[in-house]
Protein backbone atom coordinates (compact mmCIF):
# COMPACT_ATOMS: atom_id res chain seq x y z
CA MET A 1 78.00 50.91 -51.67
CA TYR A 2 77.36 50.11 -55.34
CA ARG A 3 79.20 52.41 -57.73
CA SER A 4 78.39 52.30 -61.43
CA ASN A 5 80.82 54.62 -63.16
CA ASN A 6 78.03 55.82 -65.48
CA ILE A 7 76.85 59.25 -66.60
CA LEU A 8 73.27 59.99 -67.72
CA ALA A 9 72.93 62.62 -70.47
CA LEU A 10 69.65 63.97 -71.73
CA ILE A 11 70.28 64.47 -75.49
CA GLN A 12 67.62 64.97 -78.13
CA PRO A 13 68.34 63.80 -81.63
CA ASP A 14 68.76 67.16 -83.45
CA SER A 15 71.35 69.81 -84.14
CA ASP A 16 71.18 71.09 -80.54
CA GLY A 17 71.58 67.62 -79.29
CA GLU A 18 74.64 67.09 -81.48
CA LYS A 19 76.40 70.00 -79.79
CA LEU A 20 75.64 68.65 -76.34
CA LEU A 21 76.67 65.15 -77.37
CA LYS A 22 80.15 66.38 -78.41
CA GLN A 23 80.56 68.28 -75.16
CA THR A 24 79.43 65.20 -73.20
CA LEU A 25 82.08 63.18 -75.01
CA PHE A 26 84.73 65.69 -74.00
CA PHE A 27 84.14 64.77 -70.43
CA GLN A 28 83.90 61.04 -71.18
CA GLN A 29 87.30 61.01 -72.79
CA THR A 30 88.94 62.01 -69.64
CA LEU A 31 86.68 60.50 -67.01
CA GLY A 32 86.43 57.17 -68.77
CA MET A 33 82.80 56.55 -67.79
CA ARG A 34 80.00 54.95 -69.78
CA ILE A 35 77.46 57.53 -71.12
CA PHE A 36 73.83 56.68 -71.18
CA ILE A 37 72.25 58.87 -73.92
CA MET A 38 68.62 59.34 -72.94
CA HIS A 39 65.89 60.75 -75.08
CA ILE A 40 62.41 61.14 -73.62
CA ILE A 41 59.37 60.58 -75.89
CA ASP A 42 55.68 61.24 -75.22
CA LYS A 43 53.99 58.68 -73.09
CA PRO A 44 51.00 56.93 -74.85
CA ASN A 45 47.69 57.37 -73.25
CA PHE A 46 45.58 54.52 -71.89
CA PHE A 47 43.50 54.13 -75.00
CA LYS A 48 46.58 53.95 -77.25
CA LYS A 49 48.37 51.42 -75.03
CA ILE A 50 45.31 49.14 -74.96
CA PHE A 51 43.96 49.39 -78.50
CA GLN A 52 47.06 50.44 -80.40
CA ALA A 53 49.74 48.34 -78.64
CA ASP A 54 51.49 47.50 -81.90
CA ARG A 55 51.78 51.12 -82.83
CA VAL A 56 53.27 51.95 -79.45
CA ILE A 57 55.90 49.32 -79.84
CA GLU A 58 56.73 50.45 -83.35
CA GLU A 59 57.05 54.08 -82.22
CA ARG A 60 59.52 53.01 -79.43
CA LYS A 61 61.57 50.93 -81.94
CA ASN A 62 61.68 53.98 -84.27
CA ALA A 63 62.88 56.18 -81.41
CA VAL A 64 65.70 53.84 -80.68
CA HIS A 65 66.58 53.62 -84.41
CA ASN A 66 66.58 57.36 -84.77
CA GLN A 67 68.79 57.80 -81.70
CA TYR A 68 71.32 55.30 -83.16
CA HIS A 69 71.23 57.08 -86.51
CA PHE A 70 71.66 60.51 -84.83
CA ILE A 71 74.70 59.37 -82.91
CA GLU A 72 76.34 57.70 -85.90
CA LYS A 73 75.77 60.72 -88.12
CA SER A 74 77.01 63.07 -85.42
CA LEU A 75 80.26 61.11 -84.82
CA GLY A 76 80.72 59.79 -88.29
CA GLU A 77 81.15 56.21 -86.93
CA LYS A 78 79.29 53.37 -85.35
CA VAL A 79 77.95 53.95 -81.85
CA PRO A 80 80.95 53.29 -79.52
CA GLU A 81 80.64 50.63 -76.71
CA HIS A 82 80.83 53.27 -74.05
CA LEU A 83 77.67 54.99 -75.33
CA ILE A 84 74.36 53.28 -74.44
CA ILE A 85 71.05 54.46 -75.79
CA ARG A 86 68.11 54.75 -73.43
CA ILE A 87 64.63 55.73 -74.47
CA LYS A 88 62.04 56.68 -71.87
CA SER A 89 58.51 57.97 -72.11
CA GLY A 90 56.73 60.58 -70.07
CA LYS A 91 57.28 64.12 -68.89
CA LYS A 92 60.93 65.21 -68.68
CA LEU A 93 61.03 66.25 -64.97
CA PRO A 94 59.54 63.04 -63.39
CA VAL A 95 61.58 60.85 -65.75
CA LEU A 96 64.87 62.60 -64.96
CA ILE A 97 64.27 62.58 -61.23
CA SER A 98 63.24 58.86 -61.26
CA GLN A 99 66.35 57.97 -63.26
CA SER A 100 68.63 59.94 -60.96
CA LYS A 101 67.29 57.80 -58.00
CA LYS A 102 67.14 54.37 -59.68
CA GLY A 103 69.53 54.47 -62.56
CA GLY A 104 72.83 54.15 -60.73
CA TYR A 105 74.55 57.21 -62.25
CA GLU A 106 77.50 59.16 -60.88
CA PHE A 107 76.01 62.42 -62.24
CA MET A 108 73.67 63.70 -64.88
CA ILE A 109 74.26 66.07 -67.85
CA ILE A 110 71.60 68.45 -69.04
CA ASP A 111 71.59 71.51 -71.39
CA LYS A 112 70.88 74.87 -69.69
CA SER A 113 70.64 76.93 -72.82
CA GLU A 114 66.82 76.72 -73.01
CA SER A 115 66.83 75.45 -76.58
CA ALA A 116 63.71 74.44 -78.44
CA GLY A 117 62.43 71.16 -77.08
CA GLY A 118 64.83 71.30 -74.21
CA LEU A 119 64.48 72.20 -70.56
CA SER A 120 63.34 75.65 -69.41
CA ARG A 121 65.18 77.56 -66.74
CA TYR A 122 62.49 76.48 -64.33
CA GLU A 123 62.78 72.85 -65.23
CA THR A 124 66.62 72.99 -65.01
CA ASP A 125 66.36 74.39 -61.48
CA LYS A 126 63.85 71.72 -60.58
CA VAL A 127 66.11 68.94 -61.79
CA ILE A 128 69.05 70.32 -59.83
CA SER A 129 67.09 70.57 -56.60
CA ARG A 130 65.27 67.23 -56.80
CA SER A 131 67.89 65.02 -58.46
CA TYR A 132 69.40 62.27 -56.29
CA CYS A 133 72.68 62.57 -58.10
CA PRO A 134 74.83 65.55 -58.85
CA VAL A 135 73.88 67.50 -62.06
CA MET A 136 76.22 69.06 -64.57
CA THR A 137 74.53 71.82 -66.60
CA ILE A 138 76.14 72.64 -69.94
CA ASN A 139 75.47 75.50 -72.33
CA LYS A 140 75.69 73.73 -75.75
CA ASP A 141 76.66 77.01 -77.50
CA ASN A 142 79.65 77.56 -75.32
CA PRO A 143 81.77 74.34 -75.34
CA VAL A 144 84.86 73.90 -73.30
CA THR A 145 87.93 72.22 -74.84
CA ASP A 146 90.19 72.08 -71.75
CA ILE A 147 89.91 72.32 -67.96
CA LYS A 148 92.97 73.99 -66.43
CA LYS A 149 91.09 75.95 -63.80
CA ILE A 150 88.01 75.13 -61.60
CA ILE A 151 86.22 77.82 -59.64
CA ILE A 152 84.20 77.07 -56.54
CA PRO A 153 81.82 79.96 -55.55
CA VAL A 154 81.43 79.86 -51.78
CA ASP A 155 78.43 81.23 -49.82
CA ILE A 156 78.97 82.11 -46.23
CA SER A 157 76.81 79.33 -44.92
CA GLN A 158 78.01 76.49 -47.11
CA THR A 159 79.53 73.33 -45.80
CA THR A 160 82.52 71.69 -47.51
CA LYS A 161 82.81 67.88 -47.60
CA LYS A 162 80.96 66.68 -50.66
CA LYS A 163 81.87 69.69 -52.84
CA LEU A 164 85.51 69.14 -52.00
CA LEU A 165 85.26 65.45 -52.99
CA TRP A 166 84.06 66.29 -56.47
CA ALA A 167 86.45 69.19 -56.74
CA THR A 168 89.30 66.88 -55.87
CA TYR A 169 88.14 64.34 -58.40
CA PHE A 170 87.86 66.75 -61.35
CA ALA A 171 91.07 68.59 -60.40
CA LYS A 172 93.09 65.41 -60.41
CA LYS A 173 91.47 64.11 -63.54
CA TYR A 174 92.25 67.30 -65.52
CA ASN A 175 95.43 68.32 -63.66
CA ALA A 176 93.57 71.54 -62.92
CA LYS A 177 94.00 74.17 -60.16
CA ILE A 178 91.14 75.32 -58.04
CA GLU A 179 90.19 78.86 -57.12
CA ILE A 180 87.74 79.45 -54.24
CA VAL A 181 85.78 82.62 -54.82
CA SER A 182 83.50 84.45 -52.38
CA ALA A 183 82.18 87.94 -51.84
CA LEU A 184 82.81 90.05 -48.72
CA ASN A 185 81.10 93.25 -47.73
CA VAL A 186 83.48 96.18 -47.90
CA ASN A 187 82.75 97.06 -44.27
CA LEU A 188 84.09 93.84 -42.96
CA SER A 189 87.70 92.94 -42.31
CA ARG A 190 88.88 90.07 -44.49
CA GLY A 191 90.83 88.33 -41.67
CA ARG A 192 87.96 88.44 -39.23
CA SER A 193 85.14 87.39 -41.60
CA LEU A 194 83.49 83.96 -41.64
CA VAL A 195 83.69 83.98 -45.46
CA TRP A 196 87.47 84.25 -45.37
CA LYS A 197 87.82 81.55 -42.73
CA ASN A 198 85.53 79.15 -44.67
CA ALA A 199 87.53 79.73 -47.80
CA GLU A 200 90.85 79.20 -46.04
CA GLN A 201 89.54 75.92 -44.56
CA LEU A 202 88.63 74.73 -48.05
CA LYS A 203 92.07 75.67 -49.33
CA TYR A 204 93.81 73.80 -46.50
CA LEU A 205 91.72 70.68 -47.12
CA LEU A 206 92.44 70.68 -50.83
CA HIS A 207 96.15 71.14 -50.25
CA GLU A 208 96.07 68.18 -47.97
CA ARG A 209 94.71 66.13 -50.90
CA GLY A 210 97.43 67.33 -53.22
CA VAL A 211 95.32 69.78 -55.13
CA GLY A 212 96.64 73.34 -55.91
CA CYS A 213 94.23 75.98 -54.65
CA GLU A 214 94.03 79.77 -54.22
CA VAL A 215 91.43 82.01 -52.54
CA LYS A 216 89.85 85.08 -54.13
CA ILE A 217 87.76 87.35 -51.93
CA LEU A 218 85.73 89.93 -53.88
CA LYS A 219 84.64 93.16 -52.17
CA THR A 220 81.04 94.15 -52.65
CA GLN A 221 78.83 96.94 -51.40
CA SER A 222 75.63 95.10 -52.45
CA GLU A 223 73.83 92.08 -51.15
CA GLU A 224 73.73 90.76 -54.74
CA SER A 225 76.96 88.89 -54.34
CA HIS A 226 76.24 86.52 -57.14
CA ILE A 227 76.48 89.34 -59.72
CA LEU A 228 80.02 90.13 -58.70
CA ILE A 229 81.00 86.49 -58.60
CA ILE A 230 79.47 85.73 -62.02
CA ASP A 231 81.28 88.76 -63.54
CA TYR A 232 84.53 87.40 -62.16
CA ILE A 233 83.96 83.86 -63.38
CA GLN A 234 83.11 85.08 -66.85
CA LYS A 235 86.29 87.15 -66.91
CA GLU A 236 88.43 84.28 -65.64
CA LYS A 237 86.93 81.63 -68.06
CA PRO A 238 87.49 78.53 -65.95
CA GLY A 239 86.77 75.18 -67.56
CA LEU A 240 84.38 74.21 -64.81
CA VAL A 241 82.45 75.67 -61.86
CA ILE A 242 81.40 73.54 -58.86
CA ILE A 243 78.73 74.66 -56.45
CA ARG A 244 76.76 73.09 -53.63
CA THR A 245 73.02 73.39 -53.58
CA HIS A 246 71.98 72.07 -50.09
CA GLN A 247 72.04 75.34 -48.17
CA GLU A 248 70.13 77.01 -50.98
CA SER A 249 67.24 74.56 -51.03
CA ASN A 250 64.07 74.93 -49.02
CA MET A 251 63.04 72.30 -46.47
CA SER A 252 61.27 70.10 -48.98
CA GLY A 253 64.26 70.20 -51.37
CA THR A 254 62.04 71.31 -54.33
CA ARG A 255 63.58 74.74 -55.01
CA ILE A 256 67.11 76.11 -55.26
CA GLY A 257 67.79 79.63 -54.09
CA LYS A 258 68.75 82.65 -56.06
CA PHE A 259 72.49 82.35 -55.47
CA VAL A 260 72.74 78.84 -57.01
CA SER A 261 70.31 79.53 -59.78
CA GLU A 262 72.11 82.74 -60.92
CA ILE A 263 75.44 81.01 -60.83
CA VAL A 264 74.13 78.09 -62.94
CA HIS A 265 72.42 80.21 -65.50
CA GLY A 266 74.76 83.24 -65.43
CA CYS A 267 77.89 81.26 -66.21
CA THR A 268 78.37 80.08 -69.82
CA MET A 269 80.75 77.29 -68.87
CA PRO A 270 79.67 73.94 -67.30
CA VAL A 271 78.42 74.19 -63.73
CA PHE A 272 78.56 71.02 -61.61
CA THR A 273 76.01 71.09 -58.73
CA VAL A 274 76.43 68.92 -55.71
CA ASN A 275 73.25 68.29 -53.73
CA ARG A 276 72.23 67.24 -50.25
CA PHE A 277 72.17 63.42 -50.94
CA MET A 278 75.03 61.17 -50.02
CA HIS A 279 75.93 59.83 -53.40
CA PRO A 280 78.94 57.43 -54.03
CA MET A 281 81.98 58.75 -55.78
CA PRO A 282 83.26 57.30 -59.06
CA VAL A 283 85.14 53.97 -58.76
CA ASP A 284 88.50 55.44 -59.62
CA PHE A 285 88.24 58.36 -57.04
CA GLU A 286 91.30 58.73 -54.80
CA TYR A 287 91.71 61.27 -51.98
């Protein structure tokens, strides 16, 4: 299967985009992938395309020029070879989903801070649930500078394979340890619970791949397990959170459930969401 070793990042040419660009480059430095910096402009209507074609072409050229200028100003240097500018027109959601399917990207980076001109919470959730590649959501106002610990929140019904592949990849790239976190009702015995057994299975598989891993089971009296897990994650301050979306999506794959959405938006650090599609791993991935 074709593997591109590329990342798509939705970055607008302004002060908010500059913060996201620098966080994106933090990941690029270690992962060594090419970054496609995409900016989405308004799509010209039929009348404009037919009767003002020259203006449409000029506006697109200006968008490309502005993006180059923005990156050079942000970095204080010429645009590096590993950064490729991509200008698309249309509405953000359809463009992002189309690019995730056709663009040949390992994963996509988007901002989840709901900044002006950026994606809303609703749009972010839609991108996560409909994207054909994994999505990393970043809060531009809470950058990470190192990844020594990765937390994987586990829901009782979640399967393991693809989430573990990406967890293995990031753990080995950053020499990070993994902590599997789940919530257990106080009335259940830890040793007899499905939550504990699932977490221990994940731990065993990661150890088999040479990745250090621990399990943390949180006791809860409430069904709102995500609240307890978010509080724990915020306290521990991992560099990255990885969560799987498949079991939280409805049958049409157009909506993620409350557990995933709350983890994505409740955690200030980057959250990497692994979806239901069988997507190739990066070229340098090793078990």
